[in-house]
Amino acid sequence: QVQLVESGGGLVQPGGSLRLSCAASGSAFSSITMAWYRQAPGKQRELVATITSSGGVKYYADSVKGRFTISRDNAKNTVYLQMNSLKPEDTAVYYCNRNYQGTAYFSWGQGTQVTVSS
């Protein structure tokens, strides 16, 4: 079973930046599409960004397009989310997972809390 460990969250002021990391166990990491999701208080979990196995194709939700960048390092079994120009509405717990046919595939990790507030 693949384990996912997210890190890098924290408290940041509006307009600030954070870089999230997600370390995945298992040897299949380099062959799968990965994604970042987030869940704000009282809301459903939503897809934020995806990246194909080679990193060649990326998708972003409209709400983060132009501000967030997803990337991966297959040698380290790690996927990243660079978040710039953060807004209070970006406040959420952020999770990574395999994106398989449009849905999350593995069991969820603990996530990492991002709070954007002055």
C-alpha atoms as a PDB file:
ATOM      1  CA  GLN A   1       0.000   0.000   0.000  1.00  0.00           C
ATOM      2  CA  VAL A   2       1.361   3.402  -0.944  1.00  0.00           C
ATOM      3  CA  GLN A   3       1.788   5.894   1.851  1.00  0.00           C
ATOM      4  CA  LEU A   4       1.568   9.623   1.236  1.00  0.00           C
ATOM      5  CA  VAL A   5       3.129  12.176   3.573  1.00  0.00           C
ATOM      6  CA  GLU A   6       2.371  15.835   2.988  1.00  0.00           C
ATOM      7  CA  SER A   7       4.359  18.680   4.517  1.00  0.00           C
ATOM      8  CA  GLY A   8       5.152  22.356   4.132  1.00  0.00           C
ATOM      9  CA  GLY A   9       1.930  23.968   5.257  1.00  0.00           C
ATOM     10  CA  GLY A  10       1.660  26.810   7.704  1.00  0.00           C
ATOM     11  CA  LEU A  11       0.291  30.262   8.437  1.00  0.00           C
ATOM     12  CA  VAL A  12       1.015  32.899   5.817  1.00  0.00           C
ATOM     13  CA  GLN A  13      -0.239  36.408   5.119  1.00  0.00           C
ATOM     14  CA  PRO A  14      -2.278  37.189   2.013  1.00  0.00           C
ATOM     15  CA  GLY A  15       0.034  37.593  -0.944  1.00  0.00           C
ATOM     16  CA  GLY A  16       2.596  35.245   0.551  1.00  0.00           C
ATOM     17  CA  SER A  17       3.997  31.958  -0.710  1.00  0.00           C
ATOM     18  CA  LEU A  18       4.359  28.398   0.460  1.00  0.00           C
ATOM     19  CA  ARG A  19       5.810  25.261  -1.063  1.00  0.00           C
ATOM     20  CA  LEU A  20       4.126  21.981  -0.239  1.00  0.00           C
ATOM     21  CA  SER A  21       5.794  18.599  -0.584  1.00  0.00           C
ATOM     22  CA  CYS A  22       4.332  15.117  -0.795  1.00  0.00           C
ATOM     23  CA  ALA A  23       6.563  12.087  -0.348  1.00  0.00           C
ATOM     24  CA  ALA A  24       5.193   8.795  -1.643  1.00  0.00           C
ATOM     25  CA  SER A  25       6.371   5.291  -0.901  1.00  0.00           C
ATOM     26  CA  GLY A  26       6.446   2.549  -3.526  1.00  0.00           C
ATOM     27  CA  SER A  27       8.225   1.924  -6.798  1.00  0.00           C
ATOM     28  CA  ALA A  28       5.386   2.884  -9.144  1.00  0.00           C
ATOM     29  CA  PHE A  29       5.512   6.614  -8.412  1.00  0.00           C
ATOM     30  CA  SER A  30       7.293   7.527 -11.627  1.00  0.00           C
ATOM     31  CA  SER A  31       4.580   5.938 -13.761  1.00  0.00           C
ATOM     32  CA  ILE A  32       1.472   7.523 -12.278  1.00  0.00           C
ATOM     33  CA  THR A  33      -0.345  10.842 -12.520  1.00  0.00           C
ATOM     34  CA  MET A  34      -0.282  12.680  -9.225  1.00  0.00           C
ATOM     35  CA  ALA A  35      -2.495  15.447  -7.939  1.00  0.00           C
ATOM     36  CA  TRP A  36      -3.009  17.931  -5.155  1.00  0.00           C
ATOM     37  CA  TYR A  37      -6.413  18.314  -3.548  1.00  0.00           C
ATOM     38  CA  ARG A  38      -7.674  20.572  -0.788  1.00  0.00           C
ATOM     39  CA  GLN A  39     -10.533  20.656   1.660  1.00  0.00           C
ATOM     40  CA  ALA A  40     -11.675  23.855   3.278  1.00  0.00           C
ATOM     41  CA  PRO A  41     -13.757  23.845   6.481  1.00  0.00           C
ATOM     42  CA  GLY A  42     -17.336  22.835   5.730  1.00  0.00           C
ATOM     43  CA  LYS A  43     -16.618  22.130   2.084  1.00  0.00           C
ATOM     44  CA  GLN A  44     -15.984  19.060  -0.029  1.00  0.00           C
ATOM     45  CA  ARG A  45     -12.493  18.105  -1.044  1.00  0.00           C
ATOM     46  CA  GLU A  46     -11.617  19.576  -4.437  1.00  0.00           C
ATOM     47  CA  LEU A  47      -8.994  18.961  -7.073  1.00  0.00           C
ATOM     48  CA  VAL A  48      -6.359  21.678  -7.263  1.00  0.00           C
ATOM     49  CA  ALA A  49      -3.784  20.450  -9.779  1.00  0.00           C
ATOM     50  CA  THR A  50      -2.551  17.331 -11.558  1.00  0.00           C
ATOM     51  CA  ILE A  51       0.722  16.329 -13.202  1.00  0.00           C
ATOM     52  CA  THR A  52       1.352  13.373 -15.500  1.00  0.00           C
ATOM     53  CA  SER A  53       4.039  10.787 -14.803  1.00  0.00           C
ATOM     54  CA  SER A  54       6.742  12.554 -16.829  1.00  0.00           C
ATOM     55  CA  GLY A  55       5.649  16.010 -15.740  1.00  0.00           C
ATOM     56  CA  GLY A  56       4.818  16.968 -19.298  1.00  0.00           C
ATOM     57  CA  VAL A  57       1.129  17.730 -18.850  1.00  0.00           C
ATOM     58  CA  LYS A  58      -0.336  19.739 -15.995  1.00  0.00           C
ATOM     59  CA  TYR A  59      -3.851  20.761 -15.054  1.00  0.00           C
ATOM     60  CA  TYR A  60      -4.932  23.538 -12.710  1.00  0.00           C
ATOM     61  CA  ALA A  61      -8.282  24.453 -11.262  1.00  0.00           C
ATOM     62  CA  ASP A  62      -9.400  27.884 -12.422  1.00  0.00           C
ATOM     63  CA  SER A  63      -9.207  29.189  -8.862  1.00  0.00           C
ATOM     64  CA  VAL A  64      -5.427  28.627  -8.677  1.00  0.00           C
ATOM     65  CA  LYS A  65      -4.352  29.020 -12.306  1.00  0.00           C
ATOM     66  CA  GLY A  66      -1.474  31.447 -12.654  1.00  0.00           C
ATOM     67  CA  ARG A  67      -0.682  31.340  -8.926  1.00  0.00           C
ATOM     68  CA  PHE A  68       0.115  27.685  -8.189  1.00  0.00           C
ATOM     69  CA  THR A  69       2.667  25.426  -9.884  1.00  0.00           C
ATOM     70  CA  ILE A  70       2.752  21.652  -9.579  1.00  0.00           C
ATOM     71  CA  SER A  71       5.983  19.766 -10.163  1.00  0.00           C
ATOM     72  CA  ARG A  72       7.545  16.415  -9.344  1.00  0.00           C
ATOM     73  CA  ASP A  73      10.882  14.736  -8.775  1.00  0.00           C
ATOM     74  CA  ASN A  74      10.554  11.074  -9.673  1.00  0.00           C
ATOM     75  CA  ALA A  75      14.006  10.277  -8.305  1.00  0.00           C
ATOM     76  CA  LYS A  76      12.763  11.392  -4.889  1.00  0.00           C
ATOM     77  CA  ASN A  77       9.204  10.048  -5.205  1.00  0.00           C
ATOM     78  CA  THR A  78       8.006  13.549  -4.388  1.00  0.00           C
ATOM     79  CA  VAL A  79       5.435  15.926  -5.827  1.00  0.00           C
ATOM     80  CA  TYR A  80       5.421  19.642  -5.008  1.00  0.00           C
ATOM     81  CA  LEU A  81       2.955  22.500  -5.044  1.00  0.00           C
ATOM     82  CA  GLN A  82       4.406  25.997  -5.205  1.00  0.00           C
ATOM     83  CA  MET A  83       1.732  28.426  -4.069  1.00  0.00           C
ATOM     84  CA  ASN A  84       2.191  32.135  -4.720  1.00  0.00           C
ATOM     85  CA  SER A  85      -0.068  35.154  -4.241  1.00  0.00           C
ATOM     86  CA  LEU A  86      -2.007  33.259  -1.619  1.00  0.00           C
ATOM     87  CA  LYS A  87      -5.526  34.373  -0.750  1.00  0.00           C
ATOM     88  CA  PRO A  88      -7.645  33.751   2.347  1.00  0.00           C
ATOM     89  CA  GLU A  89      -9.847  31.472   0.249  1.00  0.00           C
ATOM     90  CA  ASP A  90      -6.850  29.175  -0.254  1.00  0.00           C
ATOM     91  CA  THR A  91      -7.098  28.232   3.418  1.00  0.00           C
ATOM     92  CA  ALA A  92      -7.601  24.470   3.566  1.00  0.00           C
ATOM     93  CA  VAL A  93      -5.993  21.156   4.352  1.00  0.00           C
ATOM     94  CA  TYR A  94      -3.980  20.124   1.310  1.00  0.00           C
ATOM     95  CA  TYR A  95      -3.574  16.496   0.272  1.00  0.00           C
ATOM     96  CA  CYS A  96      -1.778  14.680  -2.492  1.00  0.00           C
ATOM     97  CA  ASN A  97      -2.897  11.479  -4.161  1.00  0.00           C
ATOM     98  CA  ARG A  98      -2.723   9.530  -7.355  1.00  0.00           C
ATOM     99  CA  ASN A  99      -5.249  10.813  -9.862  1.00  0.00           C
ATOM    100  CA  TYR A 100      -6.629   7.776 -11.677  1.00  0.00           C
ATOM    101  CA  GLN A 101      -9.367   8.288 -14.239  1.00  0.00           C
ATOM    102  CA  GLY A 102     -10.376  11.493 -12.552  1.00  0.00           C
ATOM    103  CA  THR A 103     -10.547  10.224  -8.995  1.00  0.00           C
ATOM    104  CA  ALA A 104      -8.210   9.810  -6.052  1.00  0.00           C
ATOM    105  CA  TYR A 105      -6.782   6.308  -5.889  1.00  0.00           C
ATOM    106  CA  PHE A 106      -4.830   5.722  -2.677  1.00  0.00           C
ATOM    107  CA  SER A 107      -5.836   6.112   0.935  1.00  0.00           C
ATOM    108  CA  TRP A 108      -5.503   9.697   2.059  1.00  0.00           C
ATOM    109  CA  GLY A 109      -2.543  10.898   4.063  1.00  0.00           C
ATOM    110  CA  GLN A 110      -2.826  13.290   6.994  1.00  0.00           C
ATOM    111  CA  GLY A 111      -2.644  16.361   4.793  1.00  0.00           C
ATOM    112  CA  THR A 112      -0.965  19.650   5.596  1.00  0.00           C
ATOM    113  CA  GLN A 113      -2.824  22.720   6.869  1.00  0.00           C
ATOM    114  CA  VAL A 114      -2.490  25.980   4.952  1.00  0.00           C
ATOM    115  CA  THR A 115      -3.911  29.066   6.609  1.00  0.00           C
ATOM    116  CA  VAL A 116      -3.875  32.421   4.811  1.00  0.00           C
ATOM    117  CA  SER A 117      -4.668  35.221   7.186  1.00  0.00           C
ATOM    118  CA  SER A 118      -3.432  38.618   8.256  1.00  0.00           C
END
